[in-house]
Amino acid sequence: MQRVSISPDLGQAVVFVTPLGDAHNAMESLAALQRASTFVRRELAARIRVYRIPRIQFQLDPEMLTAEAISQRRTEGEATDQGAQALTVQPCDGP
């Protein structure tokens, strides 16, 4: 979980998450969280005392996905640079 946005009337809560793994795994994780939202809401009601427990909706955090994509591109770029250096710096066997 990265952050939560709650509506002014406390009726709706959007939980922004960033699952690990590729896009397919992220969508599976999001679907599982959505299926578990009623359970999470019931657990919250049992543990905290407030007048209203909001309906919970899970969403992928767009800010973290963008940061992750930038980081991945940077890592891939560094790997490409290292591969290019390996190609250009080769010992020669001859005199």
PDB file of N, CA and C in Angstrom:
ATOM      1  N   MET A   1       0.847  -1.165   0.000  1.00  0.00           N
ATOM      2  CA  MET A   1       0.000   0.000   0.000  1.00  0.00           C
ATOM      3  C   MET A   1       0.893   1.228   0.000  1.00  0.00           C
ATOM      4  N   GLN A   2       0.544   2.178  -0.833  1.00  0.00           N
ATOM      5  CA  GLN A   2       1.317   3.406  -0.935  1.00  0.00           C
ATOM      6  C   GLN A   2       0.609   4.578  -0.269  1.00  0.00           C
ATOM      7  N   ARG A   3      -0.677   4.741  -0.571  1.00  0.00           N
ATOM      8  CA  ARG A   3      -1.443   5.851  -0.011  1.00  0.00           C
ATOM      9  C   ARG A   3      -2.923   5.530  -0.106  1.00  0.00           C
ATOM     10  N   VAL A   4      -3.724   6.293   0.644  1.00  0.00           N
ATOM     11  CA  VAL A   4      -5.162   6.094   0.674  1.00  0.00           C
ATOM     12  C   VAL A   4      -5.834   7.445   0.498  1.00  0.00           C
ATOM     13  N   SER A   5      -6.865   7.478  -0.316  1.00  0.00           N
ATOM     14  CA  SER A   5      -7.674   8.683  -0.506  1.00  0.00           C
ATOM     15  C   SER A   5      -9.081   8.374  -0.019  1.00  0.00           C
ATOM     16  N   ILE A   6      -9.590   9.192   0.913  1.00  0.00           N
ATOM     17  CA  ILE A   6     -10.914   8.959   1.495  1.00  0.00           C
ATOM     18  C   ILE A   6     -11.835  10.105   1.100  1.00  0.00           C
ATOM     19  N   SER A   7     -13.056   9.766   0.696  1.00  0.00           N
ATOM     20  CA  SER A   7     -14.018  10.787   0.299  1.00  0.00           C
ATOM     21  C   SER A   7     -14.416  11.632   1.516  1.00  0.00           C
ATOM     22  N   PRO A   8     -14.867  12.858   1.298  1.00  0.00           N
ATOM     23  CA  PRO A   8     -15.235  13.743   2.417  1.00  0.00           C
ATOM     24  C   PRO A   8     -16.320  13.166   3.331  1.00  0.00           C
ATOM     25  N   ASP A   9     -17.237  12.390   2.769  1.00  0.00           N
ATOM     26  CA  ASP A   9     -18.296  11.814   3.606  1.00  0.00           C
ATOM     27  C   ASP A   9     -17.885  10.486   4.246  1.00  0.00           C
ATOM     28  N   LEU A  10     -16.638  10.083   4.058  1.00  0.00           N
ATOM     29  CA  LEU A  10     -16.070   8.838   4.602  1.00  0.00           C
ATOM     30  C   LEU A  10     -16.763   7.582   4.079  1.00  0.00           C
ATOM     31  N   GLY A  11     -17.431   7.700   2.950  1.00  0.00           N
ATOM     32  CA  GLY A  11     -18.138   6.554   2.401  1.00  0.00           C
ATOM     33  C   GLY A  11     -17.316   5.707   1.452  1.00  0.00           C
ATOM     34  N   GLN A  12     -16.233   6.263   0.934  1.00  0.00           N
ATOM     35  CA  GLN A  12     -15.414   5.562  -0.061  1.00  0.00           C
ATOM     36  C   GLN A  12     -13.937   5.790   0.248  1.00  0.00           C
ATOM     37  N   ALA A  13     -13.159   4.738   0.181  1.00  0.00           N
ATOM     38  CA  ALA A  13     -11.708   4.829   0.338  1.00  0.00           C
ATOM     39  C   ALA A  13     -11.052   4.167  -0.865  1.00  0.00           C
ATOM     40  N   VAL A  14     -10.126   4.876  -1.484  1.00  0.00           N
ATOM     41  CA  VAL A  14      -9.359   4.316  -2.590  1.00  0.00           C
ATOM     42  C   VAL A  14      -7.950   4.056  -2.069  1.00  0.00           C
ATOM     43  N   VAL A  15      -7.554   2.809  -2.122  1.00  0.00           N
ATOM     44  CA  VAL A  15      -6.227   2.408  -1.660  1.00  0.00           C
ATOM     45  C   VAL A  15      -5.355   2.223  -2.894  1.00  0.00           C
ATOM     46  N   PHE A  16      -4.299   3.028  -2.986  1.00  0.00           N
ATOM     47  CA  PHE A  16      -3.385   2.952  -4.128  1.00  0.00           C
ATOM     48  C   PHE A  16      -2.265   1.980  -3.773  1.00  0.00           C
ATOM     49  N   VAL A  17      -2.065   0.985  -4.615  1.00  0.00           N
ATOM     50  CA  VAL A  17      -1.082  -0.070  -4.354  1.00  0.00           C
ATOM     51  C   VAL A  17      -0.117  -0.182  -5.527  1.00  0.00           C
ATOM     52  N   THR A  18       1.048  -0.731  -5.241  1.00  0.00           N
ATOM     53  CA  THR A  18       2.032  -1.027  -6.274  1.00  0.00           C
ATOM     54  C   THR A  18       2.486  -2.463  -6.084  1.00  0.00           C
ATOM     55  N   PRO A  19       1.852  -3.411  -6.785  1.00  0.00           N
ATOM     56  CA  PRO A  19       2.256  -4.804  -6.658  1.00  0.00           C
ATOM     57  C   PRO A  19       3.615  -5.043  -7.309  1.00  0.00           C
ATOM     58  N   LEU A  20       4.325  -6.032  -6.831  1.00  0.00           N
ATOM     59  CA  LEU A  20       5.600  -6.408  -7.420  1.00  0.00           C
ATOM     60  C   LEU A  20       5.358  -7.317  -8.621  1.00  0.00           C
ATOM     61  N   GLY A  21       6.292  -7.329  -9.522  1.00  0.00           N
ATOM     62  CA  GLY A  21       6.201  -8.218 -10.666  1.00  0.00           C
ATOM     63  C   GLY A  21       5.827  -7.480 -11.929  1.00  0.00           C
ATOM     64  N   ASP A  22       5.533  -8.267 -12.962  1.00  0.00           N
ATOM     65  CA  ASP A  22       5.196  -7.680 -14.264  1.00  0.00           C
ATOM     66  C   ASP A  22       3.735  -7.238 -14.299  1.00  0.00           C
ATOM     67  N   ALA A  23       3.308  -6.722 -15.427  1.00  0.00           N
ATOM     68  CA  ALA A  23       1.956  -6.183 -15.567  1.00  0.00           C
ATOM     69  C   ALA A  23       0.891  -7.247 -15.332  1.00  0.00           C
ATOM     70  N   HIS A  24       1.139  -8.457 -15.805  1.00  0.00           N
ATOM     71  CA  HIS A  24       0.164  -9.539 -15.619  1.00  0.00           C
ATOM     72  C   HIS A  24      -0.005  -9.841 -14.132  1.00  0.00           C
ATOM     73  N   ASN A  25       1.105  -9.958 -13.411  1.00  0.00           N
ATOM     74  CA  ASN A  25       1.039 -10.221 -11.972  1.00  0.00           C
ATOM     75  C   ASN A  25       0.374  -9.074 -11.234  1.00  0.00           C
ATOM     76  N   ALA A  26       0.633  -7.844 -11.674  1.00  0.00           N
ATOM     77  CA  ALA A  26       0.026  -6.678 -11.032  1.00  0.00           C
ATOM     78  C   ALA A  26      -1.492  -6.721 -11.182  1.00  0.00           C
ATOM     79  N   MET A  27      -1.979  -7.083 -12.361  1.00  0.00           N
ATOM     80  CA  MET A  27      -3.422  -7.147 -12.583  1.00  0.00           C
ATOM     81  C   MET A  27      -4.058  -8.283 -11.779  1.00  0.00           C
ATOM     82  N   GLU A  28      -3.353  -9.410 -11.656  1.00  0.00           N
ATOM     83  CA  GLU A  28      -3.855 -10.510 -10.832  1.00  0.00           C
ATOM     84  C   GLU A  28      -3.913 -10.098  -9.362  1.00  0.00           C
ATOM     85  N   SER A  29      -2.885  -9.412  -8.895  1.00  0.00           N
ATOM     86  CA  SER A  29      -2.861  -8.945  -7.508  1.00  0.00           C
ATOM     87  C   SER A  29      -3.984  -7.957  -7.247  1.00  0.00           C
ATOM     88  N   LEU A  30      -4.188  -7.046  -8.176  1.00  0.00           N
ATOM     89  CA  LEU A  30      -5.257  -6.059  -8.033  1.00  0.00           C
ATOM     90  C   LEU A  30      -6.623  -6.735  -7.985  1.00  0.00           C
ATOM     91  N   ALA A  31      -6.840  -7.717  -8.842  1.00  0.00           N
ATOM     92  CA  ALA A  31      -8.110  -8.453  -8.847  1.00  0.00           C
ATOM     93  C   ALA A  31      -8.317  -9.192  -7.522  1.00  0.00           C
ATOM     94  N   ALA A  32      -7.258  -9.780  -6.983  1.00  0.00           N
ATOM     95  CA  ALA A  32      -7.362 -10.485  -5.699  1.00  0.00           C
ATOM     96  C   ALA A  32      -7.699  -9.514  -4.568  1.00  0.00           C
ATOM     97  N   LEU A  33      -7.070  -8.336  -4.589  1.00  0.00           N
ATOM     98  CA  LEU A  33      -7.379  -7.329  -3.574  1.00  0.00           C
ATOM     99  C   LEU A  33      -8.834  -6.875  -3.677  1.00  0.00           C
ATOM    100  N   GLN A  34      -9.308  -6.682  -4.892  1.00  0.00           N
ATOM    101  CA  GLN A  34     -10.705  -6.275  -5.081  1.00  0.00           C
ATOM    102  C   GLN A  34     -11.656  -7.338  -4.524  1.00  0.00           C
ATOM    103  N   ARG A  35     -11.338  -8.608  -4.766  1.00  0.00           N
ATOM    104  CA  ARG A  35     -12.183  -9.686  -4.242  1.00  0.00           C
ATOM    105  C   ARG A  35     -12.155  -9.704  -2.721  1.00  0.00           C
ATOM    106  N   ALA A  36     -11.050  -9.300  -2.121  1.00  0.00           N
ATOM    107  CA  ALA A  36     -10.901  -9.328  -0.667  1.00  0.00           C
ATOM    108  C   ALA A  36     -11.378  -8.036   0.004  1.00  0.00           C
ATOM    109  N   SER A  37     -11.868  -7.068  -0.760  1.00  0.00           N
ATOM    110  CA  SER A  37     -12.218  -5.770  -0.174  1.00  0.00           C
ATOM    111  C   SER A  37     -13.309  -5.879   0.894  1.00  0.00           C
ATOM    112  N   THR A  38     -14.288  -6.761   0.714  1.00  0.00           N
ATOM    113  CA  THR A  38     -15.333  -6.941   1.725  1.00  0.00           C
ATOM    114  C   THR A  38     -14.734  -7.504   3.009  1.00  0.00           C
ATOM    115  N   PHE A  39     -13.827  -8.458   2.870  1.00  0.00           N
ATOM    116  CA  PHE A  39     -13.155  -9.024   4.043  1.00  0.00           C
ATOM    117  C   PHE A  39     -12.344  -7.953   4.772  1.00  0.00           C
ATOM    118  N   VAL A  40     -11.612  -7.146   4.014  1.00  0.00           N
ATOM    119  CA  VAL A  40     -10.797  -6.077   4.624  1.00  0.00           C
ATOM    120  C   VAL A  40     -11.696  -5.092   5.359  1.00  0.00           C
ATOM    121  N   ARG A  41     -12.807  -4.735   4.757  1.00  0.00           N
ATOM    122  CA  ARG A  41     -13.739  -3.800   5.381  1.00  0.00           C
ATOM    123  C   ARG A  41     -14.304  -4.383   6.677  1.00  0.00           C
ATOM    124  N   ARG A  42     -14.654  -5.652   6.662  1.00  0.00           N
ATOM    125  CA  ARG A  42     -15.188  -6.321   7.856  1.00  0.00           C
ATOM    126  C   ARG A  42     -14.130  -6.373   8.965  1.00  0.00           C
ATOM    127  N   GLU A  43     -12.880  -6.650   8.590  1.00  0.00           N
ATOM    128  CA  GLU A  43     -11.793  -6.670   9.576  1.00  0.00           C
ATOM    129  C   GLU A  43     -11.563  -5.277  10.185  1.00  0.00           C
ATOM    130  N   LEU A  44     -11.632  -4.260   9.347  1.00  0.00           N
ATOM    131  CA  LEU A  44     -11.502  -2.896   9.865  1.00  0.00           C
ATOM    132  C   LEU A  44     -12.606  -2.575  10.861  1.00  0.00           C
ATOM    133  N   ALA A  45     -13.822  -2.967  10.531  1.00  0.00           N
ATOM    134  CA  ALA A  45     -14.962  -2.711  11.416  1.00  0.00           C
ATOM    135  C   ALA A  45     -14.788  -3.406  12.760  1.00  0.00           C
ATOM    136  N   ALA A  46     -14.165  -4.574  12.761  1.00  0.00           N
ATOM    137  CA  ALA A  46     -13.952  -5.311  14.007  1.00  0.00           C
ATOM    138  C   ALA A  46     -12.826  -4.716  14.843  1.00  0.00           C
ATOM    139  N   ARG A  47     -11.907  -4.010  14.204  1.00  0.00           N
ATOM    140  CA  ARG A  47     -10.713  -3.534  14.909  1.00  0.00           C
ATOM    141  C   ARG A  47     -10.737  -2.064  15.293  1.00  0.00           C
ATOM    142  N   ILE A  48     -11.480  -1.257  14.568  1.00  0.00           N
ATOM    143  CA  ILE A  48     -11.510   0.166  14.896  1.00  0.00           C
ATOM    144  C   ILE A  48     -12.950   0.604  15.136  1.00  0.00           C
ATOM    145  N   ARG A  49     -13.108   1.604  15.959  1.00  0.00           N
ATOM    146  CA  ARG A  49     -14.437   2.105  16.288  1.00  0.00           C
ATOM    147  C   ARG A  49     -14.650   3.459  15.631  1.00  0.00           C
ATOM    148  N   VAL A  50     -15.338   3.429  14.524  1.00  0.00           N
ATOM    149  CA  VAL A  50     -15.731   4.654  13.836  1.00  0.00           C
ATOM    150  C   VAL A  50     -17.190   4.498  13.435  1.00  0.00           C
ATOM    151  N   TYR A  51     -17.826   5.623  13.146  1.00  0.00           N
ATOM    152  CA  TYR A  51     -19.240   5.602  12.799  1.00  0.00           C
ATOM    153  C   TYR A  51     -19.491   4.856  11.498  1.00  0.00           C
ATOM    154  N   ARG A  52     -18.618   5.060  10.524  1.00  0.00           N
ATOM    155  CA  ARG A  52     -18.816   4.452   9.210  1.00  0.00           C
ATOM    156  C   ARG A  52     -17.492   3.895   8.692  1.00  0.00           C
ATOM    157  N   ILE A  53     -17.547   2.668   8.248  1.00  0.00           N
ATOM    158  CA  ILE A  53     -16.391   2.061   7.583  1.00  0.00           C
ATOM    159  C   ILE A  53     -16.599   2.259   6.084  1.00  0.00           C
ATOM    160  N   PRO A  54     -15.653   2.896   5.406  1.00  0.00           N
ATOM    161  CA  PRO A  54     -15.848   3.184   3.977  1.00  0.00           C
ATOM    162  C   PRO A  54     -15.786   1.927   3.112  1.00  0.00           C
ATOM    163  N   ARG A  55     -16.439   2.008   1.958  1.00  0.00           N
ATOM    164  CA  ARG A  55     -16.260   0.972   0.935  1.00  0.00           C
ATOM    165  C   ARG A  55     -14.830   1.120   0.423  1.00  0.00           C
ATOM    166  N   ILE A  56     -14.177   0.012   0.194  1.00  0.00           N
ATOM    167  CA  ILE A  56     -12.771   0.042  -0.177  1.00  0.00           C
ATOM    168  C   ILE A  56     -12.617  -0.370  -1.637  1.00  0.00           C
ATOM    169  N   GLN A  57     -11.860   0.436  -2.343  1.00  0.00           N
ATOM    170  CA  GLN A  57     -11.540   0.145  -3.742  1.00  0.00           C
ATOM    171  C   GLN A  57     -10.021   0.192  -3.877  1.00  0.00           C
ATOM    172  N   PHE A  58      -9.452  -0.788  -4.546  1.00  0.00           N
ATOM    173  CA  PHE A  58      -8.011  -0.829  -4.766  1.00  0.00           C
ATOM    174  C   PHE A  58      -7.709  -0.387  -6.192  1.00  0.00           C
ATOM    175  N   GLN A  59      -6.655   0.416  -6.339  1.00  0.00           N
ATOM    176  CA  GLN A  59      -6.215   0.869  -7.658  1.00  0.00           C
ATOM    177  C   GLN A  59      -4.697   0.821  -7.714  1.00  0.00           C
ATOM    178  N   LEU A  60      -4.193   0.624  -8.913  1.00  0.00           N
ATOM    179  CA  LEU A  60      -2.744   0.713  -9.101  1.00  0.00           C
ATOM    180  C   LEU A  60      -2.334   2.162  -8.941  1.00  0.00           C
ATOM    181  N   ASP A  61      -1.231   2.393  -8.261  1.00  0.00           N
ATOM    182  CA  ASP A  61      -0.739   3.749  -8.032  1.00  0.00           C
ATOM    183  C   ASP A  61      -0.001   4.220  -9.278  1.00  0.00           C
ATOM    184  N   PRO A  62      -0.565   5.170 -10.014  1.00  0.00           N
ATOM    185  CA  PRO A  62       0.077   5.613 -11.259  1.00  0.00           C
ATOM    186  C   PRO A  62       1.427   6.281 -11.025  1.00  0.00           C
ATOM    187  N   GLU A  63       1.592   6.960  -9.909  1.00  0.00           N
ATOM    188  CA  GLU A  63       2.877   7.613  -9.613  1.00  0.00           C
ATOM    189  C   GLU A  63       3.986   6.591  -9.430  1.00  0.00           C
ATOM    190  N   MET A  64       3.703   5.528  -8.711  1.00  0.00           N
ATOM    191  CA  MET A  64       4.724   4.512  -8.469  1.00  0.00           C
ATOM    192  C   MET A  64       4.995   3.717  -9.739  1.00  0.00           C
ATOM    193  N   LEU A  65       3.978   3.483 -10.560  1.00  0.00           N
ATOM    194  CA  LEU A  65       4.193   2.759 -11.810  1.00  0.00           C
ATOM    195  C   LEU A  65       5.096   3.556 -12.739  1.00  0.00           C
ATOM    196  N   THR A  66       4.912   4.871 -12.771  1.00  0.00           N
ATOM    197  CA  THR A  66       5.766   5.716 -13.602  1.00  0.00           C
ATOM    198  C   THR A  66       7.198   5.694 -13.083  1.00  0.00           C
ATOM    199  N   ALA A  67       7.364   5.816 -11.775  1.00  0.00           N
ATOM    200  CA  ALA A  67       8.704   5.785 -11.191  1.00  0.00           C
ATOM    201  C   ALA A  67       9.372   4.439 -11.439  1.00  0.00           C
ATOM    202  N   GLU A  68       8.598   3.362 -11.346  1.00  0.00           N
ATOM    203  CA  GLU A  68       9.145   2.025 -11.579  1.00  0.00           C
ATOM    204  C   GLU A  68       9.580   1.881 -13.038  1.00  0.00           C
ATOM    205  N   ALA A  69       8.780   2.403 -13.967  1.00  0.00           N
ATOM    206  CA  ALA A  69       9.121   2.315 -15.385  1.00  0.00           C
ATOM    207  C   ALA A  69      10.401   3.094 -15.677  1.00  0.00           C
ATOM    208  N   ILE A  70      10.543   4.265 -15.083  1.00  0.00           N
ATOM    209  CA  ILE A  70      11.756   5.065 -15.273  1.00  0.00           C
ATOM    210  C   ILE A  70      12.963   4.323 -14.724  1.00  0.00           C
ATOM    211  N   SER A  71      12.815   3.749 -13.538  1.00  0.00           N
ATOM    212  CA  SER A  71      13.910   3.004 -12.923  1.00  0.00           C
ATOM    213  C   SER A  71      14.290   1.800 -13.776  1.00  0.00           C
ATOM    214  N   GLN A  72      13.292   1.113 -14.315  1.00  0.00           N
ATOM    215  CA  GLN A  72      13.571  -0.063 -15.144  1.00  0.00           C
ATOM    216  C   GLN A  72      14.296   0.335 -16.422  1.00  0.00           C
ATOM    217  N   ARG A  73      13.866   1.419 -17.046  1.00  0.00           N
ATOM    218  CA  ARG A  73      14.543   1.886 -18.262  1.00  0.00           C
ATOM    219  C   ARG A  73      15.985   2.271 -17.960  1.00  0.00           C
ATOM    220  N   ARG A  74      16.190   2.897 -16.811  1.00  0.00           N
ATOM    221  CA  ARG A  74      17.540   3.294 -16.427  1.00  0.00           C
ATOM    222  C   ARG A  74      18.411   2.061 -16.211  1.00  0.00           C
ATOM    223  N   THR A  75      17.870   1.060 -15.542  1.00  0.00           N
ATOM    224  CA  THR A  75      18.611  -0.179 -15.308  1.00  0.00           C
ATOM    225  C   THR A  75      18.925  -0.872 -16.627  1.00  0.00           C
ATOM    226  N   GLU A  76      17.945  -0.902 -17.533  1.00  0.00           N
ATOM    227  CA  GLU A  76      18.180  -1.513 -18.841  1.00  0.00           C
ATOM    228  C   GLU A  76      19.231  -0.735 -19.618  1.00  0.00           C
ATOM    229  N   GLY A  77      19.211   0.587 -19.503  1.00  0.00           N
ATOM    230  CA  GLY A  77      20.203   1.431 -20.172  1.00  0.00           C
ATOM    231  C   GLY A  77      21.599   1.186 -19.636  1.00  0.00           C
ATOM    232  N   GLU A  78      21.733   1.009 -18.316  1.00  0.00           N
ATOM    233  CA  GLU A  78      23.034   0.715 -17.733  1.00  0.00           C
ATOM    234  C   GLU A  78      23.541  -0.634 -18.199  1.00  0.00           C
ATOM    235  N   ALA A  79      22.641  -1.604 -18.305  1.00  0.00           N
ATOM    236  CA  ALA A  79      23.037  -2.935 -18.782  1.00  0.00           C
ATOM    237  C   ALA A  79      23.481  -2.859 -20.241  1.00  0.00           C
ATOM    238  N   THR A  80      22.792  -2.058 -21.038  1.00  0.00           N
ATOM    239  CA  THR A  80      23.167  -1.887 -22.440  1.00  0.00           C
ATOM    240  C   THR A  80      24.525  -1.215 -22.546  1.00  0.00           C
ATOM    241  N   ASP A  81      24.763  -0.198 -21.704  1.00  0.00           N
ATOM    242  CA  ASP A  81      26.054   0.482 -21.703  1.00  0.00           C
ATOM    243  C   ASP A  81      27.180  -0.476 -21.334  1.00  0.00           C
ATOM    244  N   GLN A  82      26.955  -1.339 -20.339  1.00  0.00           N
ATOM    245  CA  GLN A  82      27.977  -2.298 -19.932  1.00  0.00           C
ATOM    246  C   GLN A  82      28.233  -3.302 -21.043  1.00  0.00           C
ATOM    247  N   GLY A  83      27.178  -3.705 -21.734  1.00  0.00           N
ATOM    248  CA  GLY A  83      27.338  -4.632 -22.857  1.00  0.00           C
ATOM    249  C   GLY A  83      28.119  -3.998 -23.989  1.00  0.00           C
ATOM    250  N   ALA A  84      27.870  -2.724 -24.248  1.00  0.00           N
ATOM    251  CA  ALA A  84      28.600  -2.016 -25.298  1.00  0.00           C
ATOM    252  C   ALA A  84      30.067  -1.872 -24.920  1.00  0.00           C
ATOM    253  N   GLN A  85      30.353  -1.606 -23.655  1.00  0.00           N
ATOM    254  CA  GLN A  85      31.742  -1.502 -23.206  1.00  0.00           C
ATOM    255  C   GLN A  85      32.449  -2.836 -23.341  1.00  0.00           C
ATOM    256  N   ALA A  86      31.744  -3.924 -23.056  1.00  0.00           N
ATOM    257  CA  ALA A  86      32.350  -5.247 -23.177  1.00  0.00           C
ATOM    258  C   ALA A  86      32.697  -5.550 -24.634  1.00  0.00           C
ATOM    259  N   LEU A  87      31.883  -5.048 -25.548  1.00  0.00           N
ATOM    260  CA  LEU A  87      32.152  -5.277 -26.963  1.00  0.00           C
ATOM    261  C   LEU A  87      33.330  -4.439 -27.464  1.00  0.00           C
ATOM    262  N   THR A  88      33.503  -3.250 -26.933  1.00  0.00           N
ATOM    263  CA  THR A  88      34.548  -2.369 -27.427  1.00  0.00           C
ATOM    264  C   THR A  88      35.894  -2.612 -26.753  1.00  0.00           C
ATOM    265  N   VAL A  89      35.895  -3.165 -25.553  1.00  0.00           N
ATOM    266  CA  VAL A  89      37.151  -3.409 -24.854  1.00  0.00           C
ATOM    267  C   VAL A  89      37.439  -4.894 -24.870  1.00  0.00           C
ATOM    268  N   GLN A  90      38.175  -5.332 -25.897  1.00  0.00           N
ATOM    269  CA  GLN A  90      38.527  -6.733 -26.009  1.00  0.00           C
ATOM    270  C   GLN A  90      40.039  -6.822 -26.162  1.00  0.00           C
ATOM    271  N   PRO A  91      40.642  -7.756 -25.443  1.00  0.00           N
ATOM    272  CA  PRO A  91      42.084  -7.888 -25.565  1.00  0.00           C
ATOM    273  C   PRO A  91      42.456  -8.447 -26.926  1.00  0.00           C
ATOM    274  N   CYS A  92      43.600  -8.028 -27.409  1.00  0.00           N
ATOM    275  CA  CYS A  92      44.033  -8.599 -28.682  1.00  0.00           C
ATOM    276  C   CYS A  92      45.110  -9.640 -28.419  1.00  0.00           C
ATOM    277  N   ASP A  93      45.043 -10.711 -29.201  1.00  0.00           N
ATOM    278  CA  ASP A  93      45.956 -11.825 -28.996  1.00  0.00           C
ATOM    279  C   ASP A  93      47.244 -11.668 -29.787  1.00  0.00           C
ATOM    280  N   GLY A  94      47.208 -10.913 -30.819  1.00  0.00           N
ATOM    281  CA  GLY A  94      48.368 -10.792 -31.691  1.00  0.00           C
ATOM    282  C   GLY A  94      49.347  -9.726 -31.235  1.00  0.00           C
ATOM    283  N   PRO A  95      50.584  -9.742 -31.870  1.00  0.00           N
ATOM    284  CA  PRO A  95      51.600  -8.749 -31.502  1.00  0.00           C
ATOM    285  C   PRO A  95      51.294  -7.373 -31.998  1.00  0.00           C
TER     286      PRO A  95
END
